[in-house]
Structure formats: structure tokens, C-alpha cells
Amino acid sequence: MATTAAGTPYVESSDLVANYPGVSLALANHIDGLGGGKVLQVVHGSTSTQVISTATTMVDTNLTATITPSSATSRILVLFFQNGCDKSSPGTLTSMRLRLMRDATNVGQFAYFAGWTSTSSELKFANLSGSELDLPNTTSAVVYKTQFANEVAGSGQISVNNNAKSSITLMEISA
């Protein structure tokens, strides 16, 4: 690999540009000069198993995925899509809280249905997409999952994974 006077790596036409098929020499230089930030692995999980709750304490949503980082310095980019539904009686106030967990550690908190009052007999659907860049600092398997709770004690039912699939994607990003 060739380097500039400042020590920055670059690809010369005599180098193995074939490692980057279909890209220009300038783009090959950019790609080859990157040290970290590369996606090392991708894991995906999904569920369509409905979970219904009136609890104000967190309940698992059945949406999980497990990844084993190849390095303790890798970050895990978590992308998730969680659907939910207000299944309460007309006029009942519900407010749903969702959190992202790594094993037993809360790594992100999200809220939706906040202060929403259902005034008809229709089911009210809401979807939440979220992301979190996490540093688990391990090379052991880690489980990411979502949990939900009803914020309003004594209010109606809320559910997740109702008539639609929820999904979670984990990407290991090199340091």
C-alpha cells in the first residue's frame, strides 16, 4: 500500500484496486484509508407474537436479537421497528413507554401513545422506529430486546406486535 508524504494510505493504479470492483480510484483511496466504522456483522430478529398488558411495570415484547461482538471496542448499532396498539375501552387514557435493553441494562427509553385518549371503539395503532449506538464492551454474546409498560395506572390495555411484525437489526461497527 502506498502512502502520502503525511503518511495517509492511498491506492495507486498498480495496487490491487480489484479489491474495490466498480469504484473509481478516488473512492478506492477513501475506502482503503478508513480504519474503523466498518460493518463487521449484521443480525436480525422479528416477531409477530402479540403481547397484551395493563401493567405499569416493564414487560418483554418478544422482540429480541443476539449478537457476539468480535472486539470489546466494537459498537453495536441497534435499529428497531416496534408496533403497538391501544386496546382500551373508548375514552380511556393510555400512555405507552418503550425501552431498549442490552441484557439487563437499559440502553434507551422511548415513549409513544403519550397522553392519547381513545374516544371510539376503534383500535388505535402506533409504530415506533428507533436507533441506538451502544458500546457493550464485551466479546460475549449480548441480547438486545424491547420492553413496554402502560404509563397510566388503572387504564386500559395496550399491546405490541398486533397485526404486524416488529423487527430489530443489530450491526457490529468496528472501532
C-alpha atoms as a PDB file:
ATOM      1  CA  MET A   1       0.000   0.000   0.000  1.00  0.00           C
ATOM      2  CA  ALA A   2       1.292   3.427  -0.922  1.00  0.00           C
ATOM      3  CA  THR A   3       1.211   6.411   1.461  1.00  0.00           C
ATOM      4  CA  THR A   4       1.306  10.167   1.012  1.00  0.00           C
ATOM      5  CA  ALA A   5       4.072  12.336   2.495  1.00  0.00           C
ATOM      6  CA  ALA A   6       1.783  12.792   5.524  1.00  0.00           C
ATOM      7  CA  GLY A   7       1.530   9.014   5.919  1.00  0.00           C
ATOM      8  CA  THR A   8      -2.068   8.740   4.664  1.00  0.00           C
ATOM      9  CA  PRO A   9      -2.680   5.481   2.776  1.00  0.00           C
ATOM     10  CA  TYR A  10      -3.828   5.629  -0.831  1.00  0.00           C
ATOM     11  CA  VAL A  11      -4.292   3.198  -3.703  1.00  0.00           C
ATOM     12  CA  GLU A  12      -2.058   3.581  -6.735  1.00  0.00           C
ATOM     13  CA  SER A  13      -3.105   2.200 -10.069  1.00  0.00           C
ATOM     14  CA  SER A  14      -0.525  -0.566  -9.587  1.00  0.00           C
ATOM     15  CA  ASP A  15      -2.083  -1.571  -6.257  1.00  0.00           C
ATOM     16  CA  LEU A  16      -4.888  -4.108  -6.030  1.00  0.00           C
ATOM     17  CA  VAL A  17      -7.742  -1.785  -6.999  1.00  0.00           C
ATOM     18  CA  ALA A  18      -9.543  -5.016  -7.867  1.00  0.00           C
ATOM     19  CA  ASN A  19     -10.382  -5.211  -4.151  1.00  0.00           C
ATOM     20  CA  TYR A  20     -12.925  -2.452  -4.847  1.00  0.00           C
ATOM     21  CA  PRO A  21     -14.661  -3.524  -8.075  1.00  0.00           C
ATOM     22  CA  GLY A  22     -16.752  -0.905  -9.828  1.00  0.00           C
ATOM     23  CA  VAL A  23     -15.404   2.103  -7.914  1.00  0.00           C
ATOM     24  CA  SER A  24     -13.170   4.931  -9.044  1.00  0.00           C
ATOM     25  CA  LEU A  25      -9.562   5.248  -7.947  1.00  0.00           C
ATOM     26  CA  ALA A  26     -10.534   8.242  -5.734  1.00  0.00           C
ATOM     27  CA  LEU A  27     -13.250   6.234  -3.987  1.00  0.00           C
ATOM     28  CA  ALA A  28     -10.895   3.259  -3.576  1.00  0.00           C
ATOM     29  CA  ASN A  29      -8.469   5.625  -1.821  1.00  0.00           C
ATOM     30  CA  HIS A  30     -11.223   6.762   0.530  1.00  0.00           C
ATOM     31  CA  ILE A  31     -12.372   3.228   1.307  1.00  0.00           C
ATOM     32  CA  ASP A  32      -8.862   1.923   1.834  1.00  0.00           C
ATOM     33  CA  GLY A  33      -7.961   4.809   4.150  1.00  0.00           C
ATOM     34  CA  LEU A  34     -10.782   4.106   6.584  1.00  0.00           C
ATOM     35  CA  GLY A  35      -9.647   2.425   9.760  1.00  0.00           C
ATOM     36  CA  GLY A  36     -12.839   2.000  11.758  1.00  0.00           C
ATOM     37  CA  GLY A  37     -16.518   2.338  11.224  1.00  0.00           C
ATOM     38  CA  LYS A  38     -16.885  -0.762   9.090  1.00  0.00           C
ATOM     39  CA  VAL A  39     -19.872  -3.067   9.487  1.00  0.00           C
ATOM     40  CA  LEU A  40     -18.478  -6.394  10.691  1.00  0.00           C
ATOM     41  CA  GLN A  41     -21.714  -8.365  11.066  1.00  0.00           C
ATOM     42  CA  VAL A  42     -25.475  -7.934  10.906  1.00  0.00           C
ATOM     43  CA  VAL A  43     -28.065  -9.827  12.984  1.00  0.00           C
ATOM     44  CA  HIS A  44     -31.820  -9.552  12.529  1.00  0.00           C
ATOM     45  CA  GLY A  45     -34.767 -10.602  14.661  1.00  0.00           C
ATOM     46  CA  SER A  46     -38.517 -10.219  14.331  1.00  0.00           C
ATOM     47  CA  THR A  47     -41.774 -11.253  15.956  1.00  0.00           C
ATOM     48  CA  SER A  48     -45.469 -11.072  15.263  1.00  0.00           C
ATOM     49  CA  THR A  49     -46.500 -12.687  18.557  1.00  0.00           C
ATOM     50  CA  GLN A  50     -48.902 -10.302  20.268  1.00  0.00           C
ATOM     51  CA  VAL A  51     -48.256  -9.270  23.883  1.00  0.00           C
ATOM     52  CA  ILE A  52     -51.076  -7.510  25.803  1.00  0.00           C
ATOM     53  CA  SER A  53     -50.574  -5.707  29.103  1.00  0.00           C
ATOM     54  CA  THR A  54     -52.148  -3.269  31.544  1.00  0.00           C
ATOM     55  CA  ALA A  55     -49.033  -3.308  33.760  1.00  0.00           C
ATOM     56  CA  THR A  56     -47.179  -0.156  34.724  1.00  0.00           C
ATOM     57  CA  THR A  57     -44.003  -2.234  35.115  1.00  0.00           C
ATOM     58  CA  MET A  58     -41.937  -3.224  32.091  1.00  0.00           C
ATOM     59  CA  VAL A  59     -42.950  -6.352  30.167  1.00  0.00           C
ATOM     60  CA  ASP A  60     -40.927  -8.082  27.415  1.00  0.00           C
ATOM     61  CA  THR A  61     -42.298  -7.547  23.897  1.00  0.00           C
ATOM     62  CA  ASN A  62     -40.862 -10.820  22.449  1.00  0.00           C
ATOM     63  CA  LEU A  63     -38.660  -8.721  20.128  1.00  0.00           C
ATOM     64  CA  THR A  64     -35.061  -9.881  20.635  1.00  0.00           C
ATOM     65  CA  ALA A  65     -31.797 -10.448  18.798  1.00  0.00           C
ATOM     66  CA  THR A  66     -28.435 -11.776  19.999  1.00  0.00           C
ATOM     67  CA  ILE A  67     -25.007 -10.702  18.758  1.00  0.00           C
ATOM     68  CA  THR A  68     -21.470 -11.696  19.769  1.00  0.00           C
ATOM     69  CA  PRO A  69     -19.092  -8.771  19.151  1.00  0.00           C
ATOM     70  CA  SER A  70     -15.738  -9.716  17.642  1.00  0.00           C
ATOM     71  CA  SER A  71     -13.978  -6.992  19.661  1.00  0.00           C
ATOM     72  CA  ALA A  72     -14.642  -5.326  23.017  1.00  0.00           C
ATOM     73  CA  THR A  73     -14.146  -1.935  21.317  1.00  0.00           C
ATOM     74  CA  SER A  74     -16.858  -2.531  18.709  1.00  0.00           C
ATOM     75  CA  ARG A  75     -20.076  -0.560  18.883  1.00  0.00           C
ATOM     76  CA  ILE A  76     -23.469  -2.087  18.173  1.00  0.00           C
ATOM     77  CA  LEU A  77     -25.904  -0.060  16.094  1.00  0.00           C
ATOM     78  CA  VAL A  78     -29.421  -1.133  17.062  1.00  0.00           C
ATOM     79  CA  LEU A  79     -32.291  -0.323  14.692  1.00  0.00           C
ATOM     80  CA  PHE A  80     -35.800  -1.341  15.656  1.00  0.00           C
ATOM     81  CA  PHE A  81     -39.376  -1.057  14.492  1.00  0.00           C
ATOM     82  CA  GLN A  82     -41.962  -1.750  17.191  1.00  0.00           C
ATOM     83  CA  ASN A  83     -45.677  -1.575  16.518  1.00  0.00           C
ATOM     84  CA  GLY A  84     -48.218  -1.058  19.239  1.00  0.00           C
ATOM     85  CA  CYS A  85     -51.929  -0.757  19.788  1.00  0.00           C
ATOM     86  CA  ASP A  86     -54.264   0.906  22.281  1.00  0.00           C
ATOM     87  CA  LYS A  87     -56.819  -1.819  23.039  1.00  0.00           C
ATOM     88  CA  SER A  88     -58.587   0.054  25.833  1.00  0.00           C
ATOM     89  CA  SER A  89     -62.250   0.986  26.098  1.00  0.00           C
ATOM     90  CA  PRO A  90     -63.440   4.231  24.463  1.00  0.00           C
ATOM     91  CA  GLY A  91     -62.469   7.281  26.481  1.00  0.00           C
ATOM     92  CA  THR A  92     -59.685   5.505  28.400  1.00  0.00           C
ATOM     93  CA  LEU A  93     -56.360   7.304  28.679  1.00  0.00           C
ATOM     94  CA  THR A  94     -53.298   5.246  27.854  1.00  0.00           C
ATOM     95  CA  SER A  95     -49.662   6.155  27.538  1.00  0.00           C
ATOM     96  CA  MET A  96     -47.102   3.592  26.478  1.00  0.00           C
ATOM     97  CA  ARG A  97     -43.423   3.611  27.378  1.00  0.00           C
ATOM     98  CA  LEU A  98     -40.901   1.515  25.450  1.00  0.00           C
ATOM     99  CA  ARG A  99     -37.304   0.814  26.334  1.00  0.00           C
ATOM    100  CA  LEU A 100     -34.367  -0.909  24.699  1.00  0.00           C
ATOM    101  CA  MET A 101     -32.379  -3.340  26.831  1.00  0.00           C
ATOM    102  CA  ARG A 102     -28.940  -4.923  26.465  1.00  0.00           C
ATOM    103  CA  ASP A 103     -29.168  -7.983  28.681  1.00  0.00           C
ATOM    104  CA  ALA A 104     -30.323  -6.376  31.976  1.00  0.00           C
ATOM    105  CA  THR A 105     -29.108  -2.846  31.136  1.00  0.00           C
ATOM    106  CA  ASN A 106     -31.464  -0.111  29.910  1.00  0.00           C
ATOM    107  CA  VAL A 107     -29.757   1.498  26.894  1.00  0.00           C
ATOM    108  CA  GLY A 108     -32.601   3.650  25.582  1.00  0.00           C
ATOM    109  CA  GLN A 109     -36.028   4.923  26.595  1.00  0.00           C
ATOM    110  CA  PHE A 110     -38.762   5.881  24.127  1.00  0.00           C
ATOM    111  CA  ALA A 111     -42.394   6.940  24.621  1.00  0.00           C
ATOM    112  CA  TYR A 112     -45.438   6.863  22.398  1.00  0.00           C
ATOM    113  CA  PHE A 113     -49.205   6.970  22.734  1.00  0.00           C
ATOM    114  CA  ALA A 114     -48.303   9.757  25.190  1.00  0.00           C
ATOM    115  CA  GLY A 115     -51.462  11.246  26.669  1.00  0.00           C
ATOM    116  CA  TRP A 116     -53.596   9.688  23.953  1.00  0.00           C
ATOM    117  CA  THR A 117     -57.311   9.307  24.687  1.00  0.00           C
ATOM    118  CA  SER A 118     -59.288   6.831  22.646  1.00  0.00           C
ATOM    119  CA  THR A 119     -62.811   8.174  22.039  1.00  0.00           C
ATOM    120  CA  SER A 120     -64.135   5.466  19.756  1.00  0.00           C
ATOM    121  CA  SER A 121     -64.266   1.705  19.673  1.00  0.00           C
ATOM    122  CA  GLU A 122     -61.547   1.559  17.011  1.00  0.00           C
ATOM    123  CA  LEU A 123     -58.162   0.104  17.813  1.00  0.00           C
ATOM    124  CA  LYS A 124     -55.535   2.852  17.717  1.00  0.00           C
ATOM    125  CA  PHE A 125     -52.229   1.810  16.201  1.00  0.00           C
ATOM    126  CA  ALA A 126     -48.863   3.480  16.543  1.00  0.00           C
ATOM    127  CA  ASN A 127     -45.459   2.475  15.292  1.00  0.00           C
ATOM    128  CA  LEU A 128     -42.089   3.471  16.654  1.00  0.00           C
ATOM    129  CA  SER A 129     -38.763   3.249  14.892  1.00  0.00           C
ATOM    130  CA  GLY A 130     -35.666   3.924  16.911  1.00  0.00           C
ATOM    131  CA  SER A 131     -31.925   3.572  16.900  1.00  0.00           C
ATOM    132  CA  GLU A 132     -29.199   3.441  19.492  1.00  0.00           C
ATOM    133  CA  LEU A 133     -25.413   3.207  19.143  1.00  0.00           C
ATOM    134  CA  ASP A 134     -24.257   1.090  22.065  1.00  0.00           C
ATOM    135  CA  LEU A 135     -20.836   0.070  23.393  1.00  0.00           C
ATOM    136  CA  PRO A 136     -21.317  -3.277  25.178  1.00  0.00           C
ATOM    137  CA  ASN A 137     -17.553  -3.569  25.912  1.00  0.00           C
ATOM    138  CA  THR A 138     -17.518  -7.371  25.622  1.00  0.00           C
ATOM    139  CA  THR A 139     -16.823 -10.245  23.259  1.00  0.00           C
ATOM    140  CA  SER A 140     -19.508 -12.377  24.895  1.00  0.00           C
ATOM    141  CA  ALA A 141     -22.975 -12.827  23.413  1.00  0.00           C
ATOM    142  CA  VAL A 142     -25.340  -9.947  24.241  1.00  0.00           C
ATOM    143  CA  VAL A 143     -29.117  -9.927  23.879  1.00  0.00           C
ATOM    144  CA  TYR A 144     -30.952  -6.781  22.786  1.00  0.00           C
ATOM    145  CA  LYS A 145     -34.690  -6.619  23.381  1.00  0.00           C
ATOM    146  CA  THR A 146     -37.534  -4.167  23.802  1.00  0.00           C
ATOM    147  CA  GLN A 147     -39.873  -3.876  26.776  1.00  0.00           C
ATOM    148  CA  PHE A 148     -43.049  -1.849  27.262  1.00  0.00           C
ATOM    149  CA  ALA A 149     -45.286  -0.561  30.061  1.00  0.00           C
ATOM    150  CA  ASN A 150     -48.529   1.338  30.451  1.00  0.00           C
ATOM    151  CA  GLU A 151     -47.706   4.723  31.986  1.00  0.00           C
ATOM    152  CA  VAL A 152     -51.220   5.299  33.336  1.00  0.00           C
ATOM    153  CA  ALA A 153     -52.130   3.094  36.318  1.00  0.00           C
ATOM    154  CA  GLY A 154     -55.583   1.551  36.067  1.00  0.00           C
ATOM    155  CA  SER A 155     -56.036   2.439  32.418  1.00  0.00           C
ATOM    156  CA  GLY A 156     -56.836   0.110  29.557  1.00  0.00           C
ATOM    157  CA  GLN A 157     -54.896  -2.496  27.664  1.00  0.00           C
ATOM    158  CA  ILE A 158     -52.009  -1.827  25.355  1.00  0.00           C
ATOM    159  CA  SER A 159     -50.371  -4.360  23.103  1.00  0.00           C
ATOM    160  CA  VAL A 160     -47.379  -4.797  20.821  1.00  0.00           C
ATOM    161  CA  ASN A 161     -46.880  -6.902  17.687  1.00  0.00           C
ATOM    162  CA  ASN A 162     -50.602  -6.575  16.955  1.00  0.00           C
ATOM    163  CA  ASN A 163     -51.479  -7.423  13.328  1.00  0.00           C
ATOM    164  CA  ALA A 164     -47.977  -6.516  12.154  1.00  0.00           C
ATOM    165  CA  LYS A 165     -44.421  -7.730  12.541  1.00  0.00           C
ATOM    166  CA  SER A 166     -41.917  -5.869  14.727  1.00  0.00           C
ATOM    167  CA  SER A 167     -38.221  -6.138  13.899  1.00  0.00           C
ATOM    168  CA  ILE A 168     -34.780  -5.423  15.308  1.00  0.00           C
ATOM    169  CA  THR A 169     -31.464  -5.252  13.457  1.00  0.00           C
ATOM    170  CA  LEU A 170     -28.039  -5.273  15.134  1.00  0.00           C
ATOM    171  CA  MET A 171     -24.898  -4.138  13.302  1.00  0.00           C
ATOM    172  CA  GLU A 172     -21.428  -4.533  14.768  1.00  0.00           C
ATOM    173  CA  ILE A 173     -19.359  -1.450  13.850  1.00  0.00           C
ATOM    174  CA  SER A 174     -15.584  -1.635  14.143  1.00  0.00           C
ATOM    175  CA  ALA A 175     -13.767   0.898  16.341  1.00  0.00           C
END
